[in-house]
Structures are given as C-alpha cells and as structure tokens.
PDB file of N, CA and C in Angstrom:
ATOM      1  N   MET A   1      10.198  -7.464  -9.515  1.00  0.00           N
ATOM      2  CA  MET A   1       9.148  -7.005  -8.638  1.00  0.00           C
ATOM      3  C   MET A   1       8.771  -8.151  -7.724  1.00  0.00           C
ATOM      4  N   SER A   2       8.548  -7.823  -6.452  1.00  0.00           N
ATOM      5  CA  SER A   2       8.173  -8.856  -5.505  1.00  0.00           C
ATOM      6  C   SER A   2       6.962  -8.407  -4.701  1.00  0.00           C
ATOM      7  N   SER A   3       6.332  -9.366  -4.091  1.00  0.00           N
ATOM      8  CA  SER A   3       5.165  -9.110  -3.261  1.00  0.00           C
ATOM      9  C   SER A   3       5.519  -9.466  -1.821  1.00  0.00           C
ATOM     10  N   VAL A   4       5.221  -8.533  -0.908  1.00  0.00           N
ATOM     11  CA  VAL A   4       5.537  -8.747   0.497  1.00  0.00           C
ATOM     12  C   VAL A   4       4.309  -8.404   1.321  1.00  0.00           C
ATOM     13  N   HIS A   5       3.965  -9.272   2.248  1.00  0.00           N
ATOM     14  CA  HIS A   5       2.861  -9.013   3.168  1.00  0.00           C
ATOM     15  C   HIS A   5       3.451  -8.521   4.470  1.00  0.00           C
ATOM     16  N   MET A   6       3.100  -7.319   4.853  1.00  0.00           N
ATOM     17  CA  MET A   6       3.616  -6.721   6.076  1.00  0.00           C
ATOM     18  C   MET A   6       2.799  -7.180   7.273  1.00  0.00           C
ATOM     19  N   GLN A   7       3.474  -7.396   8.379  1.00  0.00           N
ATOM     20  CA  GLN A   7       2.821  -7.864   9.595  1.00  0.00           C
ATOM     21  C   GLN A   7       2.700  -6.777  10.656  1.00  0.00           C
ATOM     22  N   SER A   8       3.394  -5.646  10.455  1.00  0.00           N
ATOM     23  CA  SER A   8       3.323  -4.574  11.446  1.00  0.00           C
ATOM     24  C   SER A   8       3.589  -3.233  10.780  1.00  0.00           C
ATOM     25  N   LYS A   9       3.224  -2.168  11.464  1.00  0.00           N
ATOM     26  CA  LYS A   9       3.470  -0.823  10.959  1.00  0.00           C
ATOM     27  C   LYS A   9       4.967  -0.552  10.874  1.00  0.00           C
ATOM     28  N   ASP A  10       5.731  -1.022  11.859  1.00  0.00           N
ATOM     29  CA  ASP A  10       7.179  -0.832  11.827  1.00  0.00           C
ATOM     30  C   ASP A  10       7.794  -1.505  10.607  1.00  0.00           C
ATOM     31  N   GLU A  11       7.338  -2.704  10.313  1.00  0.00           N
ATOM     32  CA  GLU A  11       7.829  -3.426   9.137  1.00  0.00           C
ATOM     33  C   GLU A  11       7.487  -2.653   7.864  1.00  0.00           C
ATOM     34  N   PHE A  12       6.268  -2.119   7.803  1.00  0.00           N
ATOM     35  CA  PHE A  12       5.839  -1.309   6.659  1.00  0.00           C
ATOM     36  C   PHE A  12       6.716  -0.062   6.531  1.00  0.00           C
ATOM     37  N   ASP A  13       6.894   0.674   7.636  1.00  0.00           N
ATOM     38  CA  ASP A  13       7.711   1.890   7.624  1.00  0.00           C
ATOM     39  C   ASP A  13       9.140   1.599   7.177  1.00  0.00           C
ATOM     40  N   ASN A  14       9.722   0.512   7.659  1.00  0.00           N
ATOM     41  CA  ASN A  14      11.089   0.141   7.280  1.00  0.00           C
ATOM     42  C   ASN A  14      11.180  -0.206   5.800  1.00  0.00           C
ATOM     43  N   ALA A  15      10.164  -0.883   5.277  1.00  0.00           N
ATOM     44  CA  ALA A  15      10.174  -1.246   3.856  1.00  0.00           C
ATOM     45  C   ALA A  15      10.085   0.002   2.980  1.00  0.00           C
ATOM     46  N   ILE A  16       9.223   0.946   3.363  1.00  0.00           N
ATOM     47  CA  ILE A  16       9.089   2.186   2.584  1.00  0.00           C
ATOM     48  C   ILE A  16      10.391   2.975   2.637  1.00  0.00           C
ATOM     49  N   ALA A  17      10.974   3.111   3.825  1.00  0.00           N
ATOM     50  CA  ALA A  17      12.231   3.847   3.971  1.00  0.00           C
ATOM     51  C   ALA A  17      13.361   3.177   3.190  1.00  0.00           C
ATOM     52  N   GLY A  18      13.390   1.852   3.219  1.00  0.00           N
ATOM     53  CA  GLY A  18      14.441   1.110   2.538  1.00  0.00           C
ATOM     54  C   GLY A  18      14.315   1.087   1.022  1.00  0.00           C
ATOM     55  N   ALA A  19      13.141   1.425   0.510  1.00  0.00           N
ATOM     56  CA  ALA A  19      12.925   1.389  -0.938  1.00  0.00           C
ATOM     57  C   ALA A  19      13.595   2.557  -1.648  1.00  0.00           C
ATOM     58  N   GLY A  20      13.854   3.642  -0.920  1.00  0.00           N
ATOM     59  CA  GLY A  20      14.507   4.793  -1.538  1.00  0.00           C
ATOM     60  C   GLY A  20      13.727   5.315  -2.726  1.00  0.00           C
ATOM     61  N   SER A  21      14.402   5.399  -3.876  1.00  0.00           N
ATOM     62  CA  SER A  21      13.763   5.945  -5.075  1.00  0.00           C
ATOM     63  C   SER A  21      12.999   4.892  -5.883  1.00  0.00           C
ATOM     64  N   LYS A  22      12.983   3.647  -5.390  1.00  0.00           N
ATOM     65  CA  LYS A  22      12.215   2.609  -6.076  1.00  0.00           C
ATOM     66  C   LYS A  22      10.728   2.847  -5.858  1.00  0.00           C
ATOM     67  N   LEU A  23       9.919   2.536  -6.853  1.00  0.00           N
ATOM     68  CA  LEU A  23       8.474   2.670  -6.749  1.00  0.00           C
ATOM     69  C   LEU A  23       7.923   1.520  -5.922  1.00  0.00           C
ATOM     70  N   VAL A  24       7.088   1.857  -4.940  1.00  0.00           N
ATOM     71  CA  VAL A  24       6.441   0.862  -4.096  1.00  0.00           C
ATOM     72  C   VAL A  24       4.939   0.936  -4.359  1.00  0.00           C
ATOM     73  N   VAL A  25       4.329  -0.207  -4.644  1.00  0.00           N
ATOM     74  CA  VAL A  25       2.889  -0.284  -4.880  1.00  0.00           C
ATOM     75  C   VAL A  25       2.268  -0.959  -3.671  1.00  0.00           C
ATOM     76  N   VAL A  26       1.377  -0.242  -2.984  1.00  0.00           N
ATOM     77  CA  VAL A  26       0.732  -0.772  -1.785  1.00  0.00           C
ATOM     78  C   VAL A  26      -0.736  -1.002  -2.100  1.00  0.00           C
ATOM     79  N   HIS A  27      -1.184  -2.226  -1.889  1.00  0.00           N
ATOM     80  CA  HIS A  27      -2.569  -2.620  -2.170  1.00  0.00           C
ATOM     81  C   HIS A  27      -3.285  -2.801  -0.843  1.00  0.00           C
ATOM     82  N   PHE A  28      -4.193  -1.878  -0.537  1.00  0.00           N
ATOM     83  CA  PHE A  28      -5.004  -1.990   0.674  1.00  0.00           C
ATOM     84  C   PHE A  28      -6.280  -2.725   0.310  1.00  0.00           C
ATOM     85  N   PHE A  29      -6.548  -3.820   0.997  1.00  0.00           N
ATOM     86  CA  PHE A  29      -7.737  -4.619   0.711  1.00  0.00           C
ATOM     87  C   PHE A  29      -8.208  -5.287   1.989  1.00  0.00           C
ATOM     88  N   ALA A  30      -9.389  -5.840   1.944  1.00  0.00           N
ATOM     89  CA  ALA A  30      -9.955  -6.495   3.124  1.00  0.00           C
ATOM     90  C   ALA A  30      -9.867  -8.008   2.967  1.00  0.00           C
ATOM     91  N   VAL A  31      -9.394  -8.631   3.999  1.00  0.00           N
ATOM     92  CA  VAL A  31      -9.389 -10.090   4.054  1.00  0.00           C
ATOM     93  C   VAL A  31     -10.289 -10.450   5.232  1.00  0.00           C
ATOM     94  N   TRP A  32     -11.399 -11.047   4.923  1.00  0.00           N
ATOM     95  CA  TRP A  32     -12.376 -11.341   5.965  1.00  0.00           C
ATOM     96  C   TRP A  32     -12.040 -12.662   6.628  1.00  0.00           C
ATOM     97  N   SER A  33     -11.035 -12.591   7.505  1.00  0.00           N
ATOM     98  CA  SER A  33     -10.598 -13.790   8.207  1.00  0.00           C
ATOM     99  C   SER A  33     -10.162 -13.424   9.618  1.00  0.00           C
ATOM    100  N   GLY A  34      -9.842 -14.422  10.387  1.00  0.00           N
ATOM    101  CA  GLY A  34      -9.404 -14.200  11.756  1.00  0.00           C
ATOM    102  C   GLY A  34      -8.145 -13.359  11.852  1.00  0.00           C
ATOM    103  N   ILE A  35      -7.213 -13.555  10.931  1.00  0.00           N
ATOM    104  CA  ILE A  35      -5.958 -12.797  10.987  1.00  0.00           C
ATOM    105  C   ILE A  35      -6.198 -11.308  10.825  1.00  0.00           C
ATOM    106  N   SER A  36      -7.216 -10.927  10.075  1.00  0.00           N
ATOM    107  CA  SER A  36      -7.532  -9.501   9.915  1.00  0.00           C
ATOM    108  C   SER A  36      -7.886  -8.877  11.254  1.00  0.00           C
ATOM    109  N   ARG A  37      -8.615  -9.611  12.057  1.00  0.00           N
ATOM    110  CA  ARG A  37      -8.986  -9.090  13.370  1.00  0.00           C
ATOM    111  C   ARG A  37      -7.758  -8.987  14.276  1.00  0.00           C
ATOM    112  N   VAL A  38      -6.831  -9.930  14.166  1.00  0.00           N
ATOM    113  CA  VAL A  38      -5.616  -9.904  14.976  1.00  0.00           C
ATOM    114  C   VAL A  38      -4.741  -8.721  14.577  1.00  0.00           C
ATOM    115  N   LEU A  39      -4.621  -8.459  13.290  1.00  0.00           N
ATOM    116  CA  LEU A  39      -3.759  -7.388  12.791  1.00  0.00           C
ATOM    117  C   LEU A  39      -4.441  -6.028  12.772  1.00  0.00           C
ATOM    118  N   LYS A  40      -5.699  -5.967  13.127  1.00  0.00           N
ATOM    119  CA  LYS A  40      -6.485  -4.748  12.992  1.00  0.00           C
ATOM    120  C   LYS A  40      -5.799  -3.498  13.558  1.00  0.00           C
ATOM    121  N   PRO A  41      -5.249  -3.503  14.770  1.00  0.00           N
ATOM    122  CA  PRO A  41      -4.609  -2.271  15.269  1.00  0.00           C
ATOM    123  C   PRO A  41      -3.471  -1.799  14.372  1.00  0.00           C
ATOM    124  N   GLU A  42      -2.624  -2.718  13.909  1.00  0.00           N
ATOM    125  CA  GLU A  42      -1.517  -2.354  13.025  1.00  0.00           C
ATOM    126  C   GLU A  42      -2.025  -1.841  11.684  1.00  0.00           C
ATOM    127  N   VAL A  43      -2.996  -2.525  11.125  1.00  0.00           N
ATOM    128  CA  VAL A  43      -3.554  -2.138   9.829  1.00  0.00           C
ATOM    129  C   VAL A  43      -4.208  -0.766   9.933  1.00  0.00           C
ATOM    130  N   GLU A  44      -4.912  -0.515  11.018  1.00  0.00           N
ATOM    131  CA  GLU A  44      -5.560   0.779  11.195  1.00  0.00           C
ATOM    132  C   GLU A  44      -4.541   1.901  11.237  1.00  0.00           C
ATOM    133  N   ASP A  45      -3.366   1.674  11.831  1.00  0.00           N
ATOM    134  CA  ASP A  45      -2.319   2.694  11.848  1.00  0.00           C
ATOM    135  C   ASP A  45      -1.897   3.076  10.441  1.00  0.00           C
ATOM    136  N   VAL A  46      -1.663   2.094   9.597  1.00  0.00           N
ATOM    137  CA  VAL A  46      -1.214   2.354   8.229  1.00  0.00           C
ATOM    138  C   VAL A  46      -2.342   2.953   7.395  1.00  0.00           C
ATOM    139  N   THR A  47      -3.556   2.411   7.516  1.00  0.00           N
ATOM    140  CA  THR A  47      -4.660   2.953   6.716  1.00  0.00           C
ATOM    141  C   THR A  47      -4.991   4.377   7.133  1.00  0.00           C
ATOM    142  N   SER A  48      -4.885   4.701   8.405  1.00  0.00           N
ATOM    143  CA  SER A  48      -5.155   6.085   8.813  1.00  0.00           C
ATOM    144  C   SER A  48      -4.030   7.006   8.359  1.00  0.00           C
ATOM    145  N   MET A  49      -2.798   6.516   8.360  1.00  0.00           N
ATOM    146  CA  MET A  49      -1.665   7.310   7.899  1.00  0.00           C
ATOM    147  C   MET A  49      -1.849   7.711   6.433  1.00  0.00           C
ATOM    148  N   TYR A  50      -2.396   6.805   5.626  1.00  0.00           N
ATOM    149  CA  TYR A  50      -2.616   7.088   4.205  1.00  0.00           C
ATOM    150  C   TYR A  50      -4.056   7.500   3.910  1.00  0.00           C
ATOM    151  N   LYS A  51      -4.839   7.702   4.954  1.00  0.00           N
ATOM    152  CA  LYS A  51      -6.231   8.161   4.829  1.00  0.00           C
ATOM    153  C   LYS A  51      -7.026   7.304   3.843  1.00  0.00           C
ATOM    154  N   ILE A  52      -6.943   5.990   4.023  1.00  0.00           N
ATOM    155  CA  ILE A  52      -7.678   5.052   3.187  1.00  0.00           C
ATOM    156  C   ILE A  52      -9.135   5.085   3.610  1.00  0.00           C
ATOM    157  N   GLN A  53     -10.013   5.408   2.664  1.00  0.00           N
ATOM    158  CA  GLN A  53     -11.435   5.528   2.967  1.00  0.00           C
ATOM    159  C   GLN A  53     -12.285   4.470   2.290  1.00  0.00           C
ATOM    160  N   SER A  54     -11.720   3.796   1.299  1.00  0.00           N
ATOM    161  CA  SER A  54     -12.475   2.741   0.626  1.00  0.00           C
ATOM    162  C   SER A  54     -11.523   1.630   0.216  1.00  0.00           C
ATOM    163  N   LEU A  55     -12.085   0.449   0.090  1.00  0.00           N
ATOM    164  CA  LEU A  55     -11.300  -0.718  -0.306  1.00  0.00           C
ATOM    165  C   LEU A  55     -11.901  -1.319  -1.564  1.00  0.00           C
ATOM    166  N   PRO A  56     -11.105  -1.765  -2.478  1.00  0.00           N
ATOM    167  CA  PRO A  56      -9.648  -1.726  -2.471  1.00  0.00           C
ATOM    168  C   PRO A  56      -9.130  -0.350  -2.880  1.00  0.00           C
ATOM    169  N   THR A  57      -7.944  -0.019  -2.408  1.00  0.00           N
ATOM    170  CA  THR A  57      -7.224   1.193  -2.799  1.00  0.00           C
ATOM    171  C   THR A  57      -5.777   0.804  -3.044  1.00  0.00           C
ATOM    172  N   ILE A  58      -5.208   1.348  -4.101  1.00  0.00           N
ATOM    173  CA  ILE A  58      -3.798   1.122  -4.402  1.00  0.00           C
ATOM    174  C   ILE A  58      -3.091   2.463  -4.291  1.00  0.00           C
ATOM    175  N   VAL A  59      -1.989   2.490  -3.532  1.00  0.00           N
ATOM    176  CA  VAL A  59      -1.205   3.700  -3.355  1.00  0.00           C
ATOM    177  C   VAL A  59       0.196   3.430  -3.877  1.00  0.00           C
ATOM    178  N   LEU A  60       0.687   4.312  -4.742  1.00  0.00           N
ATOM    179  CA  LEU A  60       2.049   4.223  -5.245  1.00  0.00           C
ATOM    180  C   LEU A  60       2.901   5.213  -4.476  1.00  0.00           C
ATOM    181  N   ILE A  61       4.031   4.732  -3.953  1.00  0.00           N
ATOM    182  CA  ILE A  61       4.910   5.537  -3.105  1.00  0.00           C
ATOM    183  C   ILE A  61       6.311   5.520  -3.709  1.00  0.00           C
ATOM    184  N   LYS A  62       6.916   6.707  -3.765  1.00  0.00           N
ATOM    185  CA  LYS A  62       8.285   6.824  -4.270  1.00  0.00           C
ATOM    186  C   LYS A  62       9.012   7.848  -3.403  1.00  0.00           C
ATOM    187  N   ASN A  63      10.218   7.537  -2.998  1.00  0.00           N
ATOM    188  CA  ASN A  63      10.981   8.407  -2.098  1.00  0.00           C
ATOM    189  C   ASN A  63      10.194   8.737  -0.835  1.00  0.00           C
ATOM    190  N   GLY A  64       9.419   7.759  -0.351  1.00  0.00           N
ATOM    191  CA  GLY A  64       8.659   7.935   0.876  1.00  0.00           C
ATOM    192  C   GLY A  64       7.403   8.780   0.749  1.00  0.00           C
ATOM    193  N   GLN A  65       7.084   9.233  -0.471  1.00  0.00           N
ATOM    194  CA  GLN A  65       5.928  10.101  -0.687  1.00  0.00           C
ATOM    195  C   GLN A  65       4.921   9.440  -1.622  1.00  0.00           C
ATOM    196  N   GLU A  66       3.648   9.627  -1.336  1.00  0.00           N
ATOM    197  CA  GLU A  66       2.602   9.122  -2.226  1.00  0.00           C
ATOM    198  C   GLU A  66       2.661   9.889  -3.547  1.00  0.00           C
ATOM    199  N   VAL A  67       2.733   9.132  -4.666  1.00  0.00           N
ATOM    200  CA  VAL A  67       2.771   9.771  -5.988  1.00  0.00           C
ATOM    201  C   VAL A  67       1.496   9.523  -6.786  1.00  0.00           C
ATOM    202  N   LYS A  68       0.727   8.514  -6.396  1.00  0.00           N
ATOM    203  CA  LYS A  68      -0.510   8.205  -7.120  1.00  0.00           C
ATOM    204  C   LYS A  68      -1.400   7.359  -6.229  1.00  0.00           C
ATOM    205  N   ARG A  69      -2.711   7.561  -6.366  1.00  0.00           N
ATOM    206  CA  ARG A  69      -3.703   6.780  -5.630  1.00  0.00           C
ATOM    207  C   ARG A  69      -4.755   6.323  -6.626  1.00  0.00           C
ATOM    208  N   ILE A  70      -5.092   5.043  -6.559  1.00  0.00           N
ATOM    209  CA  ILE A  70      -6.129   4.476  -7.430  1.00  0.00           C
ATOM    210  C   ILE A  70      -7.184   3.881  -6.514  1.00  0.00           C
ATOM    211  N   THR A  71      -8.388   4.473  -6.537  1.00  0.00           N
ATOM    212  CA  THR A  71      -9.446   3.998  -5.644  1.00  0.00           C
ATOM    213  C   THR A  71     -10.441   3.086  -6.343  1.00  0.00           C
ATOM    214  N   ASP A  72     -10.357   3.010  -7.651  1.00  0.00           N
ATOM    215  CA  ASP A  72     -11.195   2.085  -8.422  1.00  0.00           C
ATOM    216  C   ASP A  72     -10.258   1.248  -9.282  1.00  0.00           C
ATOM    217  N   PRO A  73      -9.488   0.350  -8.628  1.00  0.00           N
ATOM    218  CA  PRO A  73      -8.403  -0.324  -9.329  1.00  0.00           C
ATOM    219  C   PRO A  73      -8.856  -1.220 -10.478  1.00  0.00           C
ATOM    220  N   ASN A  74      -8.130  -1.111 -11.544  1.00  0.00           N
ATOM    221  CA  ASN A  74      -8.219  -2.064 -12.637  1.00  0.00           C
ATOM    222  C   ASN A  74      -6.823  -2.182 -13.212  1.00  0.00           C
ATOM    223  N   ILE A  75      -6.573  -3.252 -13.915  1.00  0.00           N
ATOM    224  CA  ILE A  75      -5.206  -3.550 -14.360  1.00  0.00           C
ATOM    225  C   ILE A  75      -4.661  -2.481 -15.299  1.00  0.00           C
ATOM    226  N   MET A  76      -5.509  -1.889 -16.126  1.00  0.00           N
ATOM    227  CA  MET A  76      -5.037  -0.856 -17.057  1.00  0.00           C
ATOM    228  C   MET A  76      -4.618   0.410 -16.300  1.00  0.00           C
ATOM    229  N   ALA A  77      -5.418   0.825 -15.321  1.00  0.00           N
ATOM    230  CA  ALA A  77      -5.084   2.011 -14.532  1.00  0.00           C
ATOM    231  C   ALA A  77      -3.798   1.785 -13.743  1.00  0.00           C
ATOM    232  N   LEU A  78      -3.651   0.599 -13.170  1.00  0.00           N
ATOM    233  CA  LEU A  78      -2.447   0.275 -12.414  1.00  0.00           C
ATOM    234  C   LEU A  78      -1.224   0.258 -13.320  1.00  0.00           C
ATOM    235  N   ASP A  79      -1.327  -0.374 -14.467  1.00  0.00           N
ATOM    236  CA  ASP A  79      -0.222  -0.439 -15.417  1.00  0.00           C
ATOM    237  C   ASP A  79       0.213   0.966 -15.839  1.00  0.00           C
ATOM    238  N   GLN A  80      -0.750   1.825 -16.162  1.00  0.00           N
ATOM    239  CA  GLN A  80      -0.451   3.194 -16.574  1.00  0.00           C
ATOM    240  C   GLN A  80       0.226   3.970 -15.432  1.00  0.00           C
ATOM    241  N   ALA A  81      -0.290   3.827 -14.230  1.00  0.00           N
ATOM    242  CA  ALA A  81       0.270   4.543 -13.076  1.00  0.00           C
ATOM    243  C   ALA A  81       1.707   4.099 -12.813  1.00  0.00           C
ATOM    244  N   ILE A  82       1.979   2.815 -12.940  1.00  0.00           N
ATOM    245  CA  ILE A  82       3.342   2.311 -12.736  1.00  0.00           C
ATOM    246  C   ILE A  82       4.264   2.867 -13.799  1.00  0.00           C
ATOM    247  N   LYS A  83       3.847   2.836 -15.063  1.00  0.00           N
ATOM    248  CA  LYS A  83       4.674   3.365 -16.146  1.00  0.00           C
ATOM    249  C   LYS A  83       4.974   4.842 -15.951  1.00  0.00           C
ATOM    250  N   GLU A  84       3.991   5.618 -15.502  1.00  0.00           N
ATOM    251  CA  GLU A  84       4.168   7.049 -15.298  1.00  0.00           C
ATOM    252  C   GLU A  84       5.116   7.367 -14.147  1.00  0.00           C
ATOM    253  N   ASN A  85       5.282   6.468 -13.223  1.00  0.00           N
ATOM    254  CA  ASN A  85       6.039   6.760 -12.009  1.00  0.00           C
ATOM    255  C   ASN A  85       7.321   5.948 -11.847  1.00  0.00           C
ATOM    256  N   MET A  86       7.718   5.210 -12.844  1.00  0.00           N
ATOM    257  CA  MET A  86       8.958   4.417 -12.761  1.00  0.00           C
ATOM    258  C   MET A  86      10.176   5.298 -12.854  1.00  0.00           C
TER     259      MET A  86
END
C-alpha cells in the first residue's frame, strides 16, 4: 500500500482509472496552508464530484466506483471497511 498526494483532478482521475480492481482509499481533509488556496479549484472539482460535505471524509473506490464512505473516520471503521472491500 502506498500514499500518493494528487496535485490535479486529471492526476486523480488517471490514478483511479489505473487502479482497476484494486481498492483505492481517498482521504479528504483540510490543510490550512497556502498550498490549499493554490490547489483550491482542483480540490473543489474532486470534492464536488464525490459530494464531500464534511471533513475529514474517507471514500473507498473500487473499479472506479465508490464502495464505502466514512464520514466519522476512526482506525477501526477504516480497517473494517478495507477488509470488507479487498
């Protein structure tokens, strides 16, 4: 398992498409820094695509489709969701 920080919506879309049947865990969170303001248009595209309404939110994606959403993340819920969707 690896962690990747996406810099654009195109990069995000390509990563999801390239993952195929592998489970992808996407962690939407707020970073209160200058870079967040720079990336805001790109981030808004992805958050609106997944209808993110609160932070943090974790979305599990498999075969390009959302399979699970965790809006009150904790390690036990995340672990269970990953096991259920592997």
